Protein backbone atom coordinates (compact mmCIF):
# COMPACT_ATOMS: atom_id res chain seq x y z
CA MET A 1 -3.88 -20.32 23.04
CA SER A 2 -5.14 -18.75 19.92
CA ARG A 3 -8.70 -18.27 18.54
CA LEU A 4 -7.28 -17.55 15.13
CA THR A 5 -9.21 -19.12 12.23
CA PRO A 6 -7.45 -21.08 9.47
CA TRP A 7 -4.85 -19.10 7.49
CA PRO A 8 -6.47 -18.65 4.12
CA LEU A 9 -9.92 -17.77 5.36
CA ARG A 10 -8.77 -15.42 8.03
CA LEU A 11 -6.34 -13.63 5.68
CA LEU A 12 -9.02 -13.08 3.01
CA THR A 13 -11.93 -12.10 5.28
CA GLY A 14 -9.78 -9.92 7.50
CA ILE A 15 -8.35 -7.94 4.52
CA VAL A 16 -11.64 -7.58 2.75
CA GLY A 17 -13.34 -6.39 5.99
CA MET A 18 -10.70 -3.75 6.40
CA GLY A 19 -11.23 -2.46 2.78
CA VAL A 20 -7.63 -3.46 1.72
CA VAL A 21 -6.86 -5.39 -1.48
CA LEU A 22 -3.57 -7.20 -1.95
CA PRO A 23 -2.14 -6.74 -5.56
CA LEU A 24 -1.66 -9.81 -7.53
CA ALA A 25 2.14 -9.37 -7.23
CA VAL A 26 1.93 -10.04 -3.56
CA SER A 27 1.45 -13.42 -2.02
CA VAL A 28 1.64 -14.75 1.51
CA SER A 29 2.37 -18.25 2.32
CA PRO A 30 1.40 -20.15 5.51
CA PRO A 31 3.91 -20.33 8.35
CA VAL A 32 6.67 -22.92 8.15
CA GLY A 33 7.57 -25.25 11.05
CA ALA A 34 4.58 -24.36 13.18
CA ALA A 35 4.22 -25.64 16.73
CA ASP A 36 1.89 -28.61 17.06
CA ASN A 37 -0.31 -26.87 19.71
CA ASP A 38 -0.42 -23.48 17.99
CA PRO A 39 -0.10 -23.26 14.10
CA TYR A 40 0.61 -19.52 14.35
CA VAL A 41 3.80 -19.89 16.25
CA ALA A 42 6.34 -20.91 13.66
CA ASN A 43 10.01 -21.25 12.79
CA GLU A 44 9.69 -19.02 9.68
CA ILE A 45 7.62 -15.93 9.03
CA PRO A 46 6.08 -15.55 5.50
CA VAL A 47 7.59 -12.79 3.38
CA ALA A 48 5.44 -10.97 0.86
CA ASN A 49 6.61 -11.25 -2.82
CA GLY A 50 7.04 -8.10 -4.89
CA CYS A 51 8.19 -4.55 -4.14
CA ILE A 52 6.21 -1.46 -3.40
CA VAL A 53 5.99 1.31 -6.12
CA LEU A 54 5.53 4.39 -3.96
CA GLY A 55 2.50 6.63 -4.50
CA ARG A 56 -0.27 8.22 -2.42
CA ALA A 57 -1.33 4.92 -0.85
CA TRP A 58 1.96 4.44 1.06
CA ALA A 59 3.88 5.55 4.04
CA GLY A 60 6.98 4.24 5.91
CA VAL A 61 10.73 3.97 5.58
CA LYS A 62 10.99 4.25 1.77
CA VAL A 63 8.68 7.28 1.63
CA SER A 64 10.65 8.90 4.43
CA MET A 65 13.89 8.35 2.52
CA VAL A 66 12.43 9.91 -0.68
CA GLN A 67 11.11 12.84 1.29
CA ARG A 68 14.47 13.50 2.95
CA ARG A 69 16.18 13.34 -0.54
CA LEU A 70 13.67 15.70 -2.07
CA GLY A 71 12.96 18.11 0.78
CA THR A 72 9.26 17.24 1.57
CA THR A 73 9.74 15.93 5.13
CA ASP A 74 6.86 18.19 6.28
CA GLU A 75 4.56 15.36 4.97
CA LEU A 76 5.84 13.30 7.90
CA ASP A 77 6.53 9.95 6.14
CA ARG A 78 3.18 9.91 4.22
CA TYR A 79 3.29 10.09 0.46
CA GLY A 80 1.32 13.26 -0.05
CA THR A 81 0.86 15.99 -2.88
CA ARG A 82 4.19 17.66 -2.24
CA THR A 83 6.11 14.46 -2.46
CA LEU A 84 4.30 13.39 -5.61
CA LYS A 85 5.04 16.80 -7.34
CA ALA A 86 8.72 16.68 -6.20
CA VAL A 87 9.19 13.19 -7.50
CA ALA A 88 7.49 14.23 -10.84
CA ALA A 89 9.83 17.15 -11.12
CA PHE A 90 12.86 15.03 -10.39
CA GLN A 91 11.73 12.53 -13.09
CA GLU A 92 11.43 15.34 -15.59
CA ARG A 93 15.01 16.56 -14.85
CA ARG A 94 16.36 13.04 -15.33
CA GLU A 95 14.23 12.44 -18.40
CA LEU A 96 12.37 9.64 -16.76
CA ARG A 97 8.68 9.07 -17.26
CA SER A 98 7.00 11.72 -15.04
CA THR A 99 4.45 9.84 -13.03
CA GLY A 100 5.14 11.11 -9.56
CA LYS A 101 5.51 7.53 -8.33
CA VAL A 102 8.73 6.01 -7.32
CA ASN A 103 9.43 2.78 -9.19
CA ARG A 104 12.71 0.85 -9.19
CA ARG A 105 14.21 3.07 -11.92
CA THR A 106 13.34 6.31 -10.16
CA TRP A 107 14.66 4.83 -6.78
CA ASN A 108 18.01 4.05 -8.41
CA ALA A 109 18.15 7.51 -9.98
CA LEU A 110 17.64 9.03 -6.56
CA GLY A 111 20.94 7.41 -5.57
CA PHE A 112 19.85 5.26 -2.73
CA GLU A 113 22.29 2.58 -1.54
CA ARG A 114 19.58 0.42 0.05
CA PRO A 115 17.70 -1.91 -2.41
CA PHE A 116 14.35 -0.89 -3.84
CA CYS A 117 12.84 -4.04 -2.30
CA MET A 118 13.92 -3.09 1.26
CA ASP A 119 10.17 -2.98 2.12
CA ARG A 120 10.13 -6.78 2.12
CA PHE A 121 12.24 -6.67 5.39
CA THR A 122 10.70 -9.24 7.71
CA VAL A 123 12.34 -10.30 10.96
CA GLN A 124 12.62 -14.12 11.38
CA PRO A 125 12.18 -15.98 14.70
CA THR A 126 15.14 -16.18 16.99
CA VAL A 127 13.66 -19.05 18.91
CA ARG A 128 12.20 -22.40 17.86
CA ALA A 129 8.41 -22.83 17.67
CA ARG A 130 8.30 -25.54 20.34
CA ALA A 131 10.25 -23.45 22.86
CA GLY A 132 8.46 -22.54 26.15
CA THR A 133 6.26 -19.39 26.36
CA GLN A 134 8.83 -17.38 28.30
CA LYS A 135 11.49 -18.03 25.63
CA HIS A 136 9.17 -16.60 22.95
CA VAL A 137 8.45 -13.55 25.14
CA GLU A 138 12.14 -12.91 25.86
CA ALA A 139 13.10 -13.41 22.16
CA MET A 140 10.53 -10.79 21.26
CA ILE A 141 11.68 -8.31 23.92
CA ALA A 142 15.39 -8.93 23.19
CA TRP A 143 14.97 -8.05 19.54
CA ALA A 144 12.85 -4.94 20.34
CA SER A 145 15.38 -3.76 22.87
CA GLN A 146 18.07 -3.82 20.20
CA GLN A 147 16.08 -1.17 18.25
CA VAL A 148 16.13 1.36 21.11
CA GLY A 149 17.48 4.70 19.66
CA ARG A 150 16.40 3.98 16.08
CA PRO A 151 14.32 6.80 14.62
CA TYR A 152 10.47 6.92 14.65
CA ILE A 153 9.00 6.74 11.16
CA TRP A 154 5.24 6.69 10.59
CA GLY A 155 4.42 3.48 8.87
CA GLY A 156 7.90 2.17 9.45
CA ALA A 157 8.59 -1.46 9.95
CA GLY A 158 12.38 -1.32 9.68
CA PRO A 159 15.14 -1.77 9.07
CA VAL A 160 15.86 2.01 9.19
CA GLY A 161 13.05 3.04 11.61
CA TYR A 162 9.72 2.11 13.11
CA ASP A 163 6.44 3.49 14.26
CA CYS A 164 4.75 1.90 17.36
CA SER A 165 2.92 -0.92 15.62
CA GLY A 166 5.70 -1.61 13.17
CA LEU A 167 8.12 -2.14 16.05
CA VAL A 168 5.73 -4.52 17.82
CA LEU A 169 4.92 -6.49 14.55
CA GLN A 170 8.61 -7.15 13.85
CA ALA A 171 9.26 -7.98 17.53
CA MET A 172 6.40 -10.46 17.49
CA TYR A 173 7.95 -12.08 14.46
CA ALA A 174 11.21 -12.35 16.29
CA GLY A 175 9.36 -14.24 19.00
CA GLY A 176 7.78 -16.52 16.31
CA ARG A 177 4.20 -15.25 16.32
CA VAL A 178 2.44 -15.06 12.92
CA LEU A 179 -0.82 -13.17 12.35
CA PRO A 180 -2.61 -14.08 9.10
CA THR A 181 -4.32 -10.69 8.78
CA VAL A 182 -1.26 -8.47 9.51
CA THR A 183 1.86 -8.21 7.38
CA THR A 184 4.74 -5.79 6.93
CA TYR A 185 3.39 -5.09 3.43
CA LEU A 186 -0.07 -4.06 4.81
CA HIS A 187 1.53 -2.07 7.57
CA GLN A 188 3.09 0.36 5.07
CA ARG A 189 -0.37 1.30 3.64
CA ARG A 190 -1.71 4.61 4.85
CA ASP A 191 -5.16 3.23 5.14
CA PHE A 192 -4.30 0.17 7.28
CA GLY A 193 -4.50 0.35 11.05
CA THR A 194 -1.95 -2.25 12.26
CA ALA A 195 -2.47 -1.58 15.99
CA SER A 196 -6.21 -2.13 15.59
CA ALA A 197 -5.63 -5.21 13.52
CA ILE A 198 -3.36 -6.72 16.20
CA PHE A 199 -6.00 -5.94 18.85
CA ASP A 200 -8.73 -7.56 16.82
CA SER A 201 -6.60 -10.47 15.56
CA GLY A 202 -8.07 -13.08 17.85
CA LEU A 203 -5.12 -13.28 20.29
CA ARG A 204 -6.16 -13.48 23.93
CA ARG A 205 -7.22 -10.27 25.64
CA VAL A 206 -6.79 -9.82 29.39
CA PRO A 207 -7.63 -6.97 31.74
CA LEU A 208 -5.00 -4.30 32.10
CA ALA A 209 -4.71 -5.10 35.79
CA ASP A 210 -3.60 -8.58 34.90
CA ARG A 211 -0.85 -7.49 32.49
CA LYS A 212 2.52 -9.24 32.57
CA ARG A 213 5.82 -9.06 30.71
CA GLY A 214 5.42 -9.49 26.99
CA ASP A 215 1.80 -8.27 26.72
CA PHE A 216 0.83 -5.56 24.22
CA VAL A 217 -0.73 -2.51 25.76
CA PHE A 218 -2.88 0.02 23.80
CA TYR A 219 -3.59 3.72 24.14
CA GLY A 220 -6.11 6.11 22.78
CA PRO A 221 -9.50 7.88 23.49
CA GLU A 222 -12.63 5.86 23.58
CA GLY A 223 -13.45 4.47 20.14
CA SER A 224 -9.94 4.69 18.71
CA THR A 225 -6.39 3.34 19.09
CA SER A 226 -3.54 5.80 18.75
CA HIS A 227 -0.58 3.93 20.15
CA MET A 228 0.65 0.50 21.28
CA ALA A 229 3.67 -0.75 23.14
CA ILE A 230 5.33 -3.89 24.61
CA TYR A 231 4.92 -4.23 28.37
CA LEU A 232 8.28 -4.92 30.10
CA GLY A 233 7.02 -5.26 33.67
CA ASP A 234 7.44 -2.84 36.59
CA ASP A 235 5.15 -0.37 34.75
CA ARG A 236 7.67 0.09 31.95
CA VAL A 237 7.03 -0.25 28.17
CA LEU A 238 9.20 -0.52 25.10
CA GLU A 239 7.78 1.71 22.35
CA ALA A 240 8.39 3.76 19.25
CA VAL A 241 7.35 7.43 19.51
CA ARG A 242 8.82 10.45 17.94
CA PRO A 243 11.67 10.91 17.74
CA LYS A 244 12.92 7.30 18.55
CA VAL A 245 12.38 3.86 19.92
CA ARG A 246 12.68 3.96 23.76
CA ALA A 247 11.89 2.27 27.07
CA TYR A 248 9.53 4.47 29.05
CA SER A 249 6.80 4.67 31.81
CA LEU A 250 3.57 2.86 31.10
CA TRP A 251 1.56 5.75 32.32
CA ASP A 252 3.14 9.06 31.06
CA HIS A 253 1.54 9.42 27.67
CA GLY A 254 -1.20 11.96 27.93
CA VAL A 255 -3.75 9.63 26.42
CA PRO A 256 -5.69 6.90 28.28
CA LEU A 257 -4.70 3.28 28.42
CA LYS A 258 -7.19 0.80 27.01
CA PRO A 259 -8.76 -1.43 29.74
CA ARG A 260 -7.54 -4.61 28.07
CA VAL A 261 -4.16 -5.81 26.70
CA VAL A 262 -3.32 -8.51 24.25
CA ARG A 263 -1.19 -11.50 25.11
CA PRO A 264 0.76 -12.81 22.10
CA PHE A 265 2.32 -15.83 23.88
CA GLY A 266 0.97 -18.13 26.57
CA ARG A 267 -2.25 -18.03 28.64
C-alpha cells in the first residue's frame, strides 16, 4: 500500500526538509510488531523520549493550560510574548529563575495535577497489525468518535484537547498507522504543519470523488492547507474545530475542499 521510504532515511530527510530539528533529548524508534506487507502498520507506536520545556517554539495542550492559569488565553494556545512575560512574572513571585519558560519546576509551582511530561501522550493501536483493512479503519474512527465534545486546542494532540490534525494523528495511531515524518512531539511545534506533512507523507492519494470511509479530507485555498478531517461516509466528517471535536457535514466549511484525499489504510 505505502510508498513510504525506510524509517531512518524518511525521518531525517523529512524533518530537515521542513526546517525542524529534533533535540538530542528526543529519540524515535521504529514501529514494533509491524505487518509483513506494510512495515508502517504496527502493533506499537513509538513514543518520543523527553518532555517539552515550554517557550516561544511551542503550542498545544500544555501551553493552553498555562495560559488559562495565568490569564493569557488571547494568544490562543500559542506561546507568545504575553505568556512569556506572565510566566517570568510568576517565576519572580515564586523566587524561581525568571526565564519566561515553563520547565518541570515552574509547571509544578503552577499547581497542575497532570504530569509535566503529558506531552508524550501517544495513543496505541486498538487492533493488531495483521487485521484486515476495514478493522484498521473502524478502530481509527471508533477512537476518534470517543473524542467528540472534547475542546479544540490549537496544536493539541490530547489528552485534554485536539486540533484538526492532532485528532487525526492520534486516531491514525489507534488504527495502527505509523508515519516516520510525523510525531506528536513535532505536532506541538508552532512551525510544523502536521496536516501538510500527512498529505505529503507518501500515503496513497485518491480523487475526492472516489473518497470512502476512513479517508482523510483536506481543506484550504489553493496553495495551502488549513484544515483536515476523517471522512465517515454519507458526506459526513469527524473533525476538530473551535470550540470542540464534532461530526459534521463534509461541505459546510466556507473554504474549498482539496481535489484529492489521503487513504491511510488499504488500496
